[in-house]
């Protein structure tokens, strides 16, 4: 009969609609649950890495360029520098808990031009990844010309150290970095050497970047500028 068929169709449509409603509700609950798990992980990250324990004295990290010069050697200009770099207990705790830290050292030499922008003579950069390995209780330092997060560890040079001060000592010093050729200097020119060092927060895990963006302690950086003549490095 037609009425029985219509009733069956209506019942089928009703059941299908209810099932879809239940599925939507379940999917919404699943998304909410996933979001809550992500939010909980972010909060845990901040508590674990950003906040020092009550037993520790929260001494601030410090960085300063204590020595910077250019030297001539076999037709090249070489950068020599020394940093004062001290990490706070917050940074050390983050390292001990398995989060690597990334640093960048940059040097740039430009020649003054009164009629246009200054001309870049040379530039160099080094990217560092410092991590603690709990199984071996060793500190691993990777060094690369490119951001390590982009090129991976395979393209970087790796060193291991028994203590954190030994690993930091390798970061603090710049020795014989070729910045430019002497032949590019010319005569009767003035130059500017800009040296920078910073913690590369952009290489940290994304949720952690969001949480530490407003914390001044994680804005670890320094810069030094030298004005030089064409006889620089002599």
Protein backbone atom coordinates (compact mmCIF):
# COMPACT_ATOMS: atom_id res chain seq x y z
CA UNK A 1 0.00 0.00 0.00
CA UNK A 2 1.07 3.55 -0.66
CA UNK A 3 0.58 4.74 2.90
CA UNK A 4 2.82 1.98 4.29
CA UNK A 5 5.49 2.80 1.71
CA UNK A 6 5.37 6.50 2.57
CA UNK A 7 5.59 5.73 6.29
CA UNK A 8 8.66 3.57 5.68
CA UNK A 9 10.28 6.29 3.59
CA UNK A 10 9.53 8.94 6.22
CA UNK A 11 10.92 6.69 8.94
CA UNK A 12 14.09 6.07 6.89
CA UNK A 13 14.58 9.80 6.32
CA UNK A 14 14.01 10.50 10.04
CA UNK A 15 16.54 7.83 11.11
CA UNK A 16 19.10 9.09 8.56
CA UNK A 17 18.67 12.68 9.75
CA UNK A 18 19.08 11.65 13.39
CA UNK A 19 22.19 9.61 12.61
CA UNK A 20 23.77 12.56 10.77
CA UNK A 21 22.96 14.80 13.72
CA UNK A 22 24.62 12.33 16.08
CA UNK A 23 27.67 12.12 13.81
CA UNK A 24 27.98 15.91 13.68
CA UNK A 25 27.73 16.10 17.45
CA UNK A 26 30.34 13.37 17.86
CA UNK A 27 32.65 15.07 15.37
CA UNK A 28 32.22 18.34 17.23
CA UNK A 29 33.04 16.61 20.50
CA UNK A 30 36.11 15.01 18.90
CA UNK A 31 37.33 18.37 17.62
CA UNK A 32 36.71 19.93 21.02
CA UNK A 33 38.58 17.09 22.71
CA UNK A 34 41.50 17.48 20.28
CA UNK A 35 41.61 21.23 20.87
CA UNK A 36 41.58 20.70 24.63
CA UNK A 37 44.47 18.24 24.33
CA UNK A 38 46.48 20.73 22.23
CA UNK A 39 45.72 23.53 24.68
CA UNK A 40 46.73 21.33 27.61
CA UNK A 41 50.02 20.50 25.87
CA UNK A 42 50.74 24.20 25.31
CA UNK A 43 50.05 25.01 28.96
CA UNK A 44 52.28 22.13 30.03
CA UNK A 45 55.05 23.37 27.75
CA UNK A 46 54.97 26.82 29.28
CA UNK A 47 54.95 25.43 32.82
CA UNK A 48 57.73 22.98 32.02
CA UNK A 49 60.07 25.26 30.08
CA UNK A 50 59.22 28.89 30.77
CA UNK A 51 58.87 28.95 34.52
CA UNK A 52 61.91 28.24 36.71
CA UNK A 53 61.40 26.09 39.76
CA UNK A 54 60.99 27.80 43.13
CA UNK A 55 64.28 26.36 44.33
CA UNK A 56 66.20 28.16 41.58
CA UNK A 57 67.33 31.75 41.44
CA UNK A 58 66.02 33.24 38.20
CA UNK A 59 69.17 35.04 37.05
CA UNK A 60 68.66 36.65 33.65
CA UNK A 61 70.55 35.46 30.58
CA UNK A 62 73.23 37.84 29.37
CA UNK A 63 74.97 38.31 26.04
CA UNK A 64 77.50 40.97 25.04
CA UNK A 65 80.15 41.41 22.34
CA UNK A 66 83.40 41.83 24.27
CA UNK A 67 85.80 41.69 21.32
CA UNK A 68 85.37 42.42 17.60
CA UNK A 69 88.00 43.06 14.93
CA UNK A 70 88.98 42.39 11.31
CA UNK A 71 92.33 40.94 10.29
CA UNK A 72 94.02 40.67 6.90
CA UNK A 73 95.47 37.32 5.97
CA UNK A 74 96.50 36.12 2.51
CA UNK A 75 94.27 38.61 0.72
CA UNK A 76 91.21 37.99 2.87
CA UNK A 77 89.42 39.86 5.64
CA UNK A 78 88.84 37.62 8.63
CA UNK A 79 86.41 38.24 11.49
CA UNK A 80 87.57 37.61 15.05
CA UNK A 81 85.08 38.02 17.90
CA UNK A 82 84.33 36.99 21.46
CA UNK A 83 80.98 36.96 23.24
CA UNK A 84 80.03 36.98 26.85
CA UNK A 85 77.16 34.50 26.87
CA UNK A 86 75.51 33.34 30.09
CA UNK A 87 72.29 31.34 30.07
CA UNK A 88 69.72 31.64 32.84
CA UNK A 89 68.31 28.71 34.78
CA UNK A 90 65.20 28.86 32.56
CA UNK A 91 67.28 28.14 29.45
CA UNK A 92 69.29 25.42 31.16
CA UNK A 93 66.12 23.76 32.45
CA UNK A 94 64.61 23.80 28.95
CA UNK A 95 67.75 22.14 27.58
CA UNK A 96 67.81 19.53 30.34
CA UNK A 97 64.19 18.64 29.53
CA UNK A 98 65.03 17.93 25.89
CA UNK A 99 64.27 21.16 24.03
CA UNK A 100 67.15 22.30 21.75
CA UNK A 101 68.07 25.97 21.52
CA UNK A 102 69.06 27.74 18.30
CA UNK A 103 71.45 30.69 17.96
CA UNK A 104 72.60 32.81 15.01
CA UNK A 105 75.82 34.80 14.56
CA UNK A 106 75.96 37.28 11.65
CA UNK A 107 78.58 39.69 10.34
CA UNK A 108 78.22 42.19 7.49
CA UNK A 109 80.66 44.67 5.95
CA UNK A 110 79.39 47.62 3.88
CA UNK A 111 81.15 50.49 2.06
CA UNK A 112 79.80 54.01 2.46
CA UNK A 113 78.29 55.65 -0.64
CA UNK A 114 77.05 59.23 -0.34
CA UNK A 115 75.01 59.07 -3.56
CA UNK A 116 73.21 55.77 -2.92
CA UNK A 117 72.67 53.02 -0.39
CA UNK A 118 75.81 51.60 1.18
CA UNK A 119 77.31 48.75 -0.84
CA UNK A 120 77.52 45.34 0.80
CA UNK A 121 81.08 44.03 0.55
CA UNK A 122 80.61 40.77 2.38
CA UNK A 123 78.32 38.89 4.75
CA UNK A 124 78.53 35.66 6.71
CA UNK A 125 76.29 33.77 9.12
CA UNK A 126 76.49 30.71 11.32
CA UNK A 127 73.52 28.86 12.78
CA UNK A 128 73.84 26.79 15.95
CA UNK A 129 71.68 24.06 17.45
CA UNK A 130 72.50 23.19 21.05
CA UNK A 131 70.89 20.10 22.60
CA UNK A 132 71.36 17.82 25.59
CA UNK A 133 71.40 14.03 25.11
CA UNK A 134 70.17 12.35 28.31
CA UNK A 135 71.21 8.82 27.34
CA UNK A 136 74.87 9.74 26.89
CA UNK A 137 74.79 12.80 29.19
CA UNK A 138 76.59 14.72 26.46
CA UNK A 139 75.93 18.10 24.87
CA UNK A 140 75.65 18.20 21.09
CA UNK A 141 76.33 21.32 19.03
CA UNK A 142 75.47 21.49 15.33
CA UNK A 143 76.81 24.33 13.17
CA UNK A 144 75.57 25.26 9.69
CA UNK A 145 75.68 28.13 7.20
CA UNK A 146 71.90 27.81 6.75
CA UNK A 147 69.07 27.58 9.30
CA UNK A 148 69.30 24.05 10.65
CA UNK A 149 65.54 23.66 10.87
CA UNK A 150 65.34 24.15 7.09
CA UNK A 151 68.29 22.04 5.91
CA UNK A 152 68.35 19.39 8.65
CA UNK A 153 71.14 18.06 10.84
CA UNK A 154 72.74 16.03 8.05
CA UNK A 155 74.12 19.15 6.35
CA UNK A 156 75.66 20.56 9.54
CA UNK A 157 78.90 19.96 11.41
CA UNK A 158 78.45 18.23 14.74
CA UNK A 159 80.49 18.35 17.95
CA UNK A 160 79.89 16.78 21.35
CA UNK A 161 80.93 18.15 24.74
CA UNK A 162 80.88 16.76 28.25
CA UNK A 163 79.63 19.97 29.87
CA UNK A 164 77.42 22.91 28.96
CA UNK A 165 80.19 25.52 29.53
CA UNK A 166 82.37 23.71 26.99
CA UNK A 167 79.57 23.78 24.41
CA UNK A 168 78.89 27.48 25.05
CA UNK A 169 82.60 28.26 24.67
CA UNK A 170 82.41 27.01 21.07
CA UNK A 171 79.53 29.41 20.40
CA UNK A 172 81.16 32.40 22.09
CA UNK A 173 84.18 32.63 19.80
CA UNK A 174 84.42 33.52 16.11
CA UNK A 175 87.82 32.64 14.69
CA UNK A 176 89.08 33.35 11.14
CA UNK A 177 85.70 33.73 9.45
CA UNK A 178 86.32 35.01 5.93
CA UNK A 179 84.09 38.02 5.35
CA UNK A 180 85.47 39.53 2.11
CA UNK A 181 88.51 39.88 -0.13
CA UNK A 182 90.95 42.73 0.48
CA UNK A 183 90.81 43.58 -3.24
CA UNK A 184 87.19 44.73 -2.81
CA UNK A 185 88.11 47.50 -0.39
CA UNK A 186 89.56 50.07 -2.76
CA UNK A 187 91.21 53.19 -1.36
CA UNK A 188 90.00 56.23 0.58
CA UNK A 189 86.78 54.51 1.55
CA UNK A 190 84.96 54.16 4.82
CA UNK A 191 83.30 50.96 5.95
CA UNK A 192 80.86 49.72 8.55
CA UNK A 193 81.12 46.34 10.23
CA UNK A 194 77.91 45.10 11.86
CA UNK A 195 78.08 42.06 14.12
CA UNK A 196 74.92 40.41 15.52
CA UNK A 197 74.13 37.49 17.78
CA UNK A 198 70.68 36.28 18.82
CA UNK A 199 68.58 33.41 20.03
CA UNK A 200 66.55 32.18 17.04
CA UNK A 201 63.09 31.80 18.57
CA UNK A 202 61.61 31.01 15.13
CA UNK A 203 63.29 27.57 15.29
CA UNK A 204 61.50 26.60 18.52
CA UNK A 205 58.32 24.46 18.47
CA UNK A 206 55.38 26.49 17.17
CA UNK A 207 53.23 26.36 20.34
CA UNK A 208 56.22 27.42 22.38
CA UNK A 209 56.85 30.41 20.08
CA UNK A 210 53.32 31.62 20.77
CA UNK A 211 53.71 31.30 24.52
CA UNK A 212 57.14 32.96 24.79
CA UNK A 213 56.50 35.80 22.33
CA UNK A 214 55.81 38.34 25.07
CA UNK A 215 58.50 37.20 27.50
CA UNK A 216 61.50 39.51 27.46
CA UNK A 217 63.78 36.77 28.78
CA UNK A 218 63.55 34.97 25.45
CA UNK A 219 64.56 38.08 23.47
CA UNK A 220 68.24 37.29 23.84
CA UNK A 221 70.31 39.32 21.36
CA UNK A 222 73.18 41.77 20.99
CA UNK A 223 74.76 43.90 18.27
CA UNK A 224 77.97 45.84 17.80
CA UNK A 225 78.95 48.25 15.02
CA UNK A 226 82.45 49.36 14.03
CA UNK A 227 83.34 52.28 11.72
CA UNK A 228 86.50 51.51 9.74
CA UNK A 229 88.78 53.08 7.12
CA UNK A 230 90.27 51.45 4.03
CA UNK A 231 93.36 50.46 6.04
CA UNK A 232 91.23 48.24 8.27
CA UNK A 233 92.83 45.07 9.46
CA UNK A 234 96.39 46.37 9.11
